[in-house]
Each structure stands twice: as structure tokens, then as C-alpha cells.
Amino acid sequence: EENKKFIIALQDVESKINKQKDLIIYNNTPVTGFILPDLLYSLFNIEKNKIKVYPNDKVCPIENQCLKWNSNKKIIELNA
């Protein structure tokens, strides 16, 4: 159920992602490990080398955009 809500939330945020910049995702997302970068690559048509996974406590660098799963609201927060 959490995975389904995450995928729907990804579709909602896709148009806001700048595909020229690196995209950082945090490792507390429902879909974890190597699957998530491949999934984002397929959904967003973004280069795999631009997708990075960060630990949950690492701050999003200002020059990047970061996706963070809010499990309470079931939404993806995008810092861009």
C-alpha cells in the first residue's frame, strides 16, 4: 500500500523536476536500494548518473533538488 501511494506521488511531482540537475532521493522511501534509481530513470527519463541516494539525515545541497517521502501525509516533498 505504501509503495502504491509512493508511485502515485512520484507521478504528481514529475513535472516539477529539472532533468538537467542532479536528483537526490533519501533512503527512507518505500522503494529502496538500486530499484529506486532505476524506477526514477524510467518514470522521469532522467540520466541514471544524475540520481543519488542520500541517508535521511544528510542535508539537501542547495544546488541540487531532493525528493523526500513524507510518510504521514503520503506525499513527496521536492526541494528544488
N, C-alpha and C. Protein backbone atom coordinates (compact mmCIF):
# COMPACT_ATOMS: atom_id res chain seq x y z
N GLU A 1 0.83 -1.21 0.00
CA GLU A 1 0.00 0.00 0.00
C GLU A 1 0.87 1.26 0.00
N GLU A 2 1.90 1.27 0.83
CA GLU A 2 2.80 2.42 0.89
C GLU A 2 3.51 2.61 -0.46
N ASN A 3 3.91 1.51 -1.09
CA ASN A 3 4.57 1.59 -2.39
C ASN A 3 3.66 2.19 -3.45
N LYS A 4 2.39 1.81 -3.44
CA LYS A 4 1.42 2.35 -4.42
C LYS A 4 1.27 3.85 -4.24
N LYS A 5 1.13 4.30 -3.01
CA LYS A 5 0.98 5.73 -2.75
C LYS A 5 2.24 6.50 -3.15
N PHE A 6 3.38 5.87 -2.97
CA PHE A 6 4.64 6.49 -3.36
C PHE A 6 4.70 6.67 -4.88
N ILE A 7 4.32 5.67 -5.63
CA ILE A 7 4.34 5.74 -7.10
C ILE A 7 3.39 6.83 -7.59
N ILE A 8 2.21 6.91 -7.01
CA ILE A 8 1.25 7.96 -7.39
C ILE A 8 1.83 9.34 -7.08
N ALA A 9 2.47 9.47 -5.93
CA ALA A 9 3.09 10.74 -5.55
C ALA A 9 4.22 11.11 -6.50
N LEU A 10 4.96 10.12 -6.98
CA LEU A 10 6.03 10.38 -7.95
C LEU A 10 5.46 10.98 -9.23
N GLN A 11 4.36 10.44 -9.69
CA GLN A 11 3.74 10.96 -10.91
C GLN A 11 3.31 12.41 -10.72
N ASP A 12 2.85 12.74 -9.53
CA ASP A 12 2.40 14.11 -9.25
C ASP A 12 3.55 15.12 -9.28
N VAL A 13 4.74 14.69 -8.92
CA VAL A 13 5.87 15.62 -8.80
C VAL A 13 6.74 15.66 -10.06
N GLU A 14 6.49 14.77 -11.00
CA GLU A 14 7.37 14.64 -12.17
C GLU A 14 7.57 15.96 -12.93
N SER A 15 6.53 16.69 -13.15
CA SER A 15 6.63 17.91 -13.97
C SER A 15 7.47 19.00 -13.30
N LYS A 16 7.70 18.89 -12.01
CA LYS A 16 8.45 19.90 -11.27
C LYS A 16 9.95 19.61 -11.24
N ILE A 17 10.35 18.46 -11.73
CA ILE A 17 11.75 18.05 -11.66
C ILE A 17 12.54 18.61 -12.84
N ASN A 18 13.66 19.23 -12.53
CA ASN A 18 14.57 19.72 -13.56
C ASN A 18 15.51 18.58 -13.94
N LYS A 19 15.36 18.05 -15.13
CA LYS A 19 16.12 16.87 -15.55
C LYS A 19 17.58 17.18 -15.85
N GLN A 20 17.94 18.45 -15.86
CA GLN A 20 19.33 18.84 -16.10
C GLN A 20 20.16 18.83 -14.81
N LYS A 21 19.50 18.88 -13.66
CA LYS A 21 20.19 18.91 -12.37
C LYS A 21 20.21 17.52 -11.76
N ASP A 22 21.14 17.31 -10.82
CA ASP A 22 21.16 16.06 -10.07
C ASP A 22 19.88 15.96 -9.24
N LEU A 23 19.40 14.75 -9.09
CA LEU A 23 18.21 14.48 -8.30
C LEU A 23 18.61 13.59 -7.13
N ILE A 24 18.39 14.08 -5.92
CA ILE A 24 18.75 13.32 -4.73
C ILE A 24 17.49 12.76 -4.10
N ILE A 25 17.55 11.49 -3.73
CA ILE A 25 16.44 10.86 -3.03
C ILE A 25 16.97 10.34 -1.70
N TYR A 26 16.11 10.29 -0.73
CA TYR A 26 16.52 9.83 0.60
C TYR A 26 16.15 8.37 0.78
N ASN A 27 16.95 7.67 1.56
CA ASN A 27 16.78 6.23 1.67
C ASN A 27 15.64 5.79 2.58
N ASN A 28 14.78 6.71 3.00
CA ASN A 28 13.60 6.31 3.79
C ASN A 28 12.36 6.16 2.91
N THR A 29 12.55 6.13 1.61
CA THR A 29 11.42 5.99 0.70
C THR A 29 10.94 4.54 0.69
N PRO A 30 9.67 4.31 0.34
CA PRO A 30 9.13 2.95 0.37
C PRO A 30 9.86 1.98 -0.56
N VAL A 31 10.29 2.44 -1.72
CA VAL A 31 11.02 1.59 -2.66
C VAL A 31 12.50 1.91 -2.46
N THR A 32 13.27 0.93 -2.01
CA THR A 32 14.65 1.24 -1.60
C THR A 32 15.69 0.58 -2.50
N GLY A 33 16.95 0.91 -2.22
CA GLY A 33 18.07 0.28 -2.89
C GLY A 33 18.20 0.67 -4.35
N PHE A 34 18.75 -0.24 -5.13
CA PHE A 34 19.04 0.06 -6.53
C PHE A 34 17.77 0.17 -7.37
N ILE A 35 16.66 -0.35 -6.89
CA ILE A 35 15.41 -0.31 -7.65
C ILE A 35 14.94 1.13 -7.84
N LEU A 36 15.07 1.96 -6.83
CA LEU A 36 14.54 3.32 -6.90
C LEU A 36 15.22 4.16 -7.98
N PRO A 37 16.54 4.22 -8.06
CA PRO A 37 17.13 4.98 -9.17
C PRO A 37 16.67 4.48 -10.54
N ASP A 38 16.55 3.17 -10.71
CA ASP A 38 16.06 2.63 -11.99
C ASP A 38 14.62 3.02 -12.25
N LEU A 39 13.82 3.02 -11.21
CA LEU A 39 12.42 3.41 -11.33
C LEU A 39 12.31 4.88 -11.72
N LEU A 40 13.06 5.74 -11.06
CA LEU A 40 13.03 7.17 -11.38
C LEU A 40 13.54 7.43 -12.79
N TYR A 41 14.58 6.71 -13.18
CA TYR A 41 15.12 6.85 -14.53
C TYR A 41 14.03 6.54 -15.56
N SER A 42 13.30 5.48 -15.33
CA SER A 42 12.24 5.07 -16.26
C SER A 42 11.07 6.05 -16.26
N LEU A 43 10.63 6.47 -15.08
CA LEU A 43 9.47 7.35 -14.99
C LEU A 43 9.75 8.76 -15.48
N PHE A 44 10.91 9.28 -15.14
CA PHE A 44 11.20 10.69 -15.39
C PHE A 44 12.09 10.93 -16.59
N ASN A 45 12.63 9.85 -17.17
CA ASN A 45 13.55 9.99 -18.30
C ASN A 45 14.72 10.91 -17.92
N ILE A 46 15.33 10.60 -16.81
CA ILE A 46 16.49 11.35 -16.31
C ILE A 46 17.69 10.40 -16.29
N GLU A 47 18.86 10.92 -16.57
CA GLU A 47 20.06 10.08 -16.62
C GLU A 47 20.31 9.43 -15.26
N LYS A 48 20.67 8.13 -15.29
CA LYS A 48 20.90 7.40 -14.04
C LYS A 48 22.02 8.01 -13.21
N ASN A 49 23.04 8.55 -13.87
CA ASN A 49 24.16 9.11 -13.11
C ASN A 49 23.79 10.41 -12.42
N LYS A 50 22.62 10.96 -12.70
CA LYS A 50 22.15 12.18 -12.03
C LYS A 50 21.31 11.87 -10.78
N ILE A 51 21.03 10.59 -10.55
CA ILE A 51 20.20 10.19 -9.41
C ILE A 51 21.10 9.65 -8.30
N LYS A 52 20.97 10.24 -7.13
CA LYS A 52 21.80 9.84 -5.99
C LYS A 52 20.91 9.55 -4.79
N VAL A 53 21.33 8.58 -3.97
CA VAL A 53 20.59 8.22 -2.76
C VAL A 53 21.37 8.73 -1.56
N TYR A 54 20.71 9.49 -0.71
CA TYR A 54 21.33 10.07 0.49
C TYR A 54 20.75 9.43 1.75
N PRO A 55 21.54 9.40 2.83
CA PRO A 55 20.97 9.00 4.12
C PRO A 55 19.96 10.05 4.58
N ASN A 56 19.03 9.63 5.39
CA ASN A 56 17.92 10.51 5.81
C ASN A 56 18.37 11.78 6.51
N ASP A 57 19.51 11.73 7.20
CA ASP A 57 19.92 12.88 7.99
C ASP A 57 20.84 13.85 7.23
N LYS A 58 21.15 13.56 5.98
CA LYS A 58 22.02 14.44 5.19
C LYS A 58 21.20 15.58 4.59
N VAL A 59 21.73 16.79 4.67
CA VAL A 59 21.04 17.98 4.18
C VAL A 59 21.10 18.03 2.65
N CYS A 60 20.03 18.46 2.06
CA CYS A 60 19.96 18.61 0.60
C CYS A 60 20.83 19.80 0.18
N PRO A 61 21.84 19.57 -0.66
CA PRO A 61 22.66 20.69 -1.13
C PRO A 61 21.82 21.68 -1.93
N ILE A 62 22.08 22.93 -1.76
CA ILE A 62 21.27 23.99 -2.37
C ILE A 62 21.29 23.92 -3.90
N GLU A 63 22.38 23.41 -4.48
CA GLU A 63 22.48 23.36 -5.94
C GLU A 63 21.75 22.15 -6.54
N ASN A 64 21.22 21.29 -5.70
CA ASN A 64 20.53 20.10 -6.17
C ASN A 64 19.04 20.17 -5.88
N GLN A 65 18.34 19.17 -6.33
CA GLN A 65 16.92 19.02 -5.99
C GLN A 65 16.78 17.69 -5.27
N CYS A 66 15.95 17.66 -4.25
CA CYS A 66 15.83 16.47 -3.41
C CYS A 66 14.38 16.05 -3.28
N LEU A 67 14.17 14.75 -3.39
CA LEU A 67 12.85 14.17 -3.17
C LEU A 67 12.86 13.52 -1.80
N LYS A 68 11.88 13.82 -0.99
CA LYS A 68 11.77 13.21 0.33
C LYS A 68 10.34 12.75 0.55
N TRP A 69 10.18 11.51 0.92
CA TRP A 69 8.87 10.91 1.16
C TRP A 69 8.36 11.32 2.54
N ASN A 70 7.18 11.91 2.59
CA ASN A 70 6.54 12.25 3.85
C ASN A 70 5.52 11.15 4.13
N SER A 71 5.87 10.21 5.00
CA SER A 71 5.02 9.05 5.23
C SER A 71 3.74 9.38 5.98
N ASN A 72 3.71 10.50 6.69
CA ASN A 72 2.47 10.90 7.37
C ASN A 72 1.44 11.43 6.39
N LYS A 73 1.87 12.29 5.48
CA LYS A 73 0.96 12.90 4.51
C LYS A 73 0.82 12.07 3.23
N LYS A 74 1.72 11.09 3.05
CA LYS A 74 1.75 10.26 1.84
C LYS A 74 1.99 11.12 0.60
N ILE A 75 2.94 12.05 0.70
CA ILE A 75 3.30 12.89 -0.43
C ILE A 75 4.83 12.93 -0.55
N ILE A 76 5.29 13.35 -1.71
CA ILE A 76 6.72 13.56 -1.91
C ILE A 76 6.97 15.05 -1.84
N GLU A 77 7.90 15.42 -1.00
CA GLU A 77 8.29 16.82 -0.89
C GLU A 77 9.51 17.02 -1.78
N LEU A 78 9.44 18.04 -2.63
CA LEU A 78 10.54 18.34 -3.54
C LEU A 78 11.17 19.65 -3.14
N ASN A 79 12.46 19.59 -2.80
CA ASN A 79 13.23 20.81 -2.56
C ASN A 79 13.99 21.08 -3.84
N ALA A 80 13.66 22.14 -4.52
CA ALA A 80 14.34 22.43 -5.79
C ALA A 80 14.74 23.88 -5.85
